N, C-alpha and C. Protein backbone atom coordinates (compact mmCIF):
# COMPACT_ATOMS: atom_id res chain seq x y z
N MET A 1 6.75 53.39 -18.37
CA MET A 1 5.95 52.48 -19.15
C MET A 1 6.64 51.12 -19.29
N ARG A 2 7.98 51.16 -19.47
CA ARG A 2 8.71 49.91 -19.61
C ARG A 2 8.67 49.10 -18.32
N GLU A 3 8.73 49.78 -17.19
CA GLU A 3 8.68 49.11 -15.90
C GLU A 3 7.32 48.42 -15.70
N ALA A 4 6.25 49.08 -16.13
CA ALA A 4 4.91 48.49 -16.00
C ALA A 4 4.79 47.25 -16.88
N ALA A 5 5.33 47.31 -18.08
CA ALA A 5 5.29 46.16 -18.99
C ALA A 5 6.12 45.01 -18.43
N ARG A 6 7.30 45.33 -17.90
CA ARG A 6 8.16 44.31 -17.31
C ARG A 6 7.49 43.66 -16.10
N LEU A 7 6.84 44.46 -15.26
CA LEU A 7 6.13 43.94 -14.10
C LEU A 7 4.97 43.04 -14.53
N LEU A 8 4.27 43.43 -15.56
CA LEU A 8 3.17 42.63 -16.08
C LEU A 8 3.67 41.28 -16.60
N ILE A 9 4.80 41.27 -17.31
CA ILE A 9 5.36 40.02 -17.83
C ILE A 9 5.82 39.12 -16.69
N VAL A 10 6.46 39.68 -15.69
CA VAL A 10 6.93 38.88 -14.54
C VAL A 10 5.74 38.28 -13.79
N CYS A 11 4.70 39.07 -13.59
CA CYS A 11 3.50 38.57 -12.90
C CYS A 11 2.82 37.47 -13.71
N ALA A 12 2.72 37.66 -15.01
CA ALA A 12 2.09 36.64 -15.87
C ALA A 12 2.89 35.34 -15.84
N ALA A 13 4.22 35.45 -15.87
CA ALA A 13 5.07 34.26 -15.81
C ALA A 13 4.92 33.55 -14.47
N GLY A 14 4.84 34.32 -13.40
CA GLY A 14 4.66 33.73 -12.07
C GLY A 14 3.33 33.02 -11.93
N PHE A 15 2.27 33.64 -12.40
CA PHE A 15 0.96 33.00 -12.34
C PHE A 15 0.91 31.76 -13.22
N GLY A 16 1.54 31.82 -14.37
CA GLY A 16 1.58 30.66 -15.26
C GLY A 16 2.32 29.49 -14.63
N ALA A 17 3.44 29.79 -14.00
CA ALA A 17 4.21 28.73 -13.34
C ALA A 17 3.44 28.15 -12.16
N ALA A 18 2.75 28.99 -11.41
CA ALA A 18 1.98 28.52 -10.26
C ALA A 18 0.81 27.65 -10.69
N ALA A 19 0.26 27.90 -11.87
CA ALA A 19 -0.88 27.12 -12.35
C ALA A 19 -0.46 25.76 -12.89
N CYS A 20 0.81 25.54 -13.18
CA CYS A 20 1.27 24.30 -13.80
C CYS A 20 1.52 23.17 -12.81
N TYR A 21 1.48 23.44 -11.53
CA TYR A 21 1.82 22.38 -10.59
C TYR A 21 0.84 21.22 -10.65
N ARG A 22 -0.39 21.44 -11.06
CA ARG A 22 -1.36 20.35 -11.18
C ARG A 22 -1.29 19.64 -12.52
N VAL A 23 -0.51 20.13 -13.45
CA VAL A 23 -0.38 19.51 -14.77
C VAL A 23 0.43 18.22 -14.66
N ILE A 24 1.38 18.16 -13.74
CA ILE A 24 2.21 16.98 -13.56
C ILE A 24 1.36 15.90 -12.90
N PRO A 25 1.22 14.74 -13.53
CA PRO A 25 0.37 13.69 -12.95
C PRO A 25 0.96 13.14 -11.66
N SER A 26 0.07 12.66 -10.80
CA SER A 26 0.53 12.03 -9.57
C SER A 26 1.19 10.70 -9.91
N SER A 27 1.94 10.17 -8.96
CA SER A 27 2.65 8.92 -9.21
C SER A 27 1.66 7.76 -9.36
N HIS A 28 2.05 6.80 -10.13
CA HIS A 28 1.22 5.62 -10.38
C HIS A 28 1.90 4.41 -9.75
N PRO A 29 1.14 3.32 -9.61
CA PRO A 29 1.72 2.12 -9.02
C PRO A 29 3.01 1.73 -9.72
N PRO A 30 3.92 1.07 -9.10
CA PRO A 30 3.80 0.43 -7.80
C PRO A 30 4.04 1.40 -6.65
N TYR A 31 3.39 1.14 -5.54
CA TYR A 31 3.55 1.93 -4.32
C TYR A 31 4.32 1.12 -3.31
N THR A 32 4.99 1.79 -2.41
CA THR A 32 5.67 1.13 -1.31
C THR A 32 4.90 1.42 -0.04
N VAL A 33 4.52 0.36 0.66
CA VAL A 33 3.77 0.49 1.90
C VAL A 33 4.53 -0.28 2.97
N THR A 34 4.74 0.34 4.12
CA THR A 34 5.47 -0.31 5.20
C THR A 34 4.56 -0.43 6.42
N GLY A 35 4.52 -1.61 7.01
CA GLY A 35 3.71 -1.83 8.20
C GLY A 35 3.72 -3.29 8.58
N ILE A 36 3.04 -3.61 9.65
CA ILE A 36 2.89 -4.98 10.12
C ILE A 36 1.56 -5.50 9.62
N VAL A 37 1.58 -6.67 9.00
CA VAL A 37 0.34 -7.28 8.50
C VAL A 37 -0.45 -7.80 9.69
N GLU A 38 -1.66 -7.29 9.86
CA GLU A 38 -2.52 -7.67 10.98
C GLU A 38 -3.54 -8.73 10.57
N ALA A 39 -4.05 -8.65 9.34
CA ALA A 39 -5.08 -9.59 8.88
C ALA A 39 -5.00 -9.73 7.37
N VAL A 40 -5.33 -10.94 6.88
CA VAL A 40 -5.32 -11.21 5.44
C VAL A 40 -6.54 -12.06 5.11
N ASP A 41 -7.23 -11.71 4.02
CA ASP A 41 -8.25 -12.59 3.47
C ASP A 41 -8.12 -12.57 1.95
N ASP A 42 -9.11 -13.13 1.22
CA ASP A 42 -9.00 -13.26 -0.23
C ASP A 42 -9.03 -11.94 -0.98
N GLU A 43 -9.61 -10.90 -0.42
CA GLU A 43 -9.80 -9.64 -1.13
C GLU A 43 -9.03 -8.46 -0.54
N ALA A 44 -8.55 -8.58 0.69
CA ALA A 44 -7.89 -7.43 1.32
C ALA A 44 -6.95 -7.90 2.43
N MET A 45 -6.15 -6.97 2.91
CA MET A 45 -5.33 -7.20 4.08
C MET A 45 -5.29 -5.90 4.88
N ALA A 46 -4.93 -6.02 6.14
CA ALA A 46 -4.86 -4.85 7.00
C ALA A 46 -3.43 -4.68 7.49
N LEU A 47 -2.91 -3.46 7.33
CA LEU A 47 -1.55 -3.15 7.79
C LEU A 47 -1.61 -2.18 8.96
N ARG A 48 -0.77 -2.42 9.95
CA ARG A 48 -0.67 -1.50 11.08
C ARG A 48 0.60 -0.69 10.93
N HIS A 49 0.42 0.63 10.82
CA HIS A 49 1.54 1.56 10.71
C HIS A 49 2.18 1.74 12.07
N LYS A 50 3.42 2.23 12.11
CA LYS A 50 4.11 2.42 13.40
C LYS A 50 3.40 3.43 14.29
N SER A 51 2.53 4.26 13.71
CA SER A 51 1.75 5.21 14.52
C SER A 51 0.56 4.54 15.19
N GLY A 52 0.27 3.29 14.78
CA GLY A 52 -0.86 2.58 15.35
C GLY A 52 -2.09 2.56 14.46
N THR A 53 -2.06 3.30 13.37
CA THR A 53 -3.19 3.36 12.45
C THR A 53 -3.31 2.06 11.68
N LEU A 54 -4.51 1.50 11.64
CA LEU A 54 -4.79 0.28 10.88
C LEU A 54 -5.32 0.69 9.51
N THR A 55 -4.62 0.25 8.45
CA THR A 55 -4.97 0.65 7.08
C THR A 55 -5.37 -0.57 6.26
N PRO A 56 -6.60 -0.59 5.72
CA PRO A 56 -6.99 -1.68 4.85
C PRO A 56 -6.37 -1.49 3.45
N VAL A 57 -5.90 -2.59 2.88
CA VAL A 57 -5.30 -2.57 1.54
C VAL A 57 -6.04 -3.57 0.70
N SER A 58 -6.64 -3.11 -0.40
CA SER A 58 -7.37 -3.99 -1.31
C SER A 58 -6.38 -4.75 -2.18
N VAL A 59 -6.64 -6.03 -2.38
CA VAL A 59 -5.77 -6.88 -3.20
C VAL A 59 -6.61 -7.39 -4.36
N SER A 60 -6.08 -7.20 -5.59
CA SER A 60 -6.82 -7.69 -6.76
C SER A 60 -5.93 -8.57 -7.61
N ALA A 61 -6.53 -9.40 -8.43
CA ALA A 61 -5.80 -10.30 -9.32
C ALA A 61 -5.26 -9.56 -10.54
N ALA A 62 -5.66 -8.32 -10.76
CA ALA A 62 -5.23 -7.57 -11.94
C ALA A 62 -3.72 -7.31 -11.93
N GLY A 63 -3.12 -7.21 -10.77
CA GLY A 63 -1.70 -6.92 -10.65
C GLY A 63 -0.81 -8.14 -10.81
N ARG A 64 -1.38 -9.31 -10.93
CA ARG A 64 -0.60 -10.56 -11.01
C ARG A 64 -0.10 -10.81 -12.40
């Protein structure tokens, strides 16, 4: 009986710990982005990653 209770407690603790990974919030700005600037205008810019992927980045006045 004690072994069953101990197993139940260990399982409950494991499930509780596994459920908490989403409780930690994701990181917030500032972010670090590395790439070559391909294009710039008043509202956005485009960065080219070393893999060749072109990524648009929105620019706002709120961060100034």
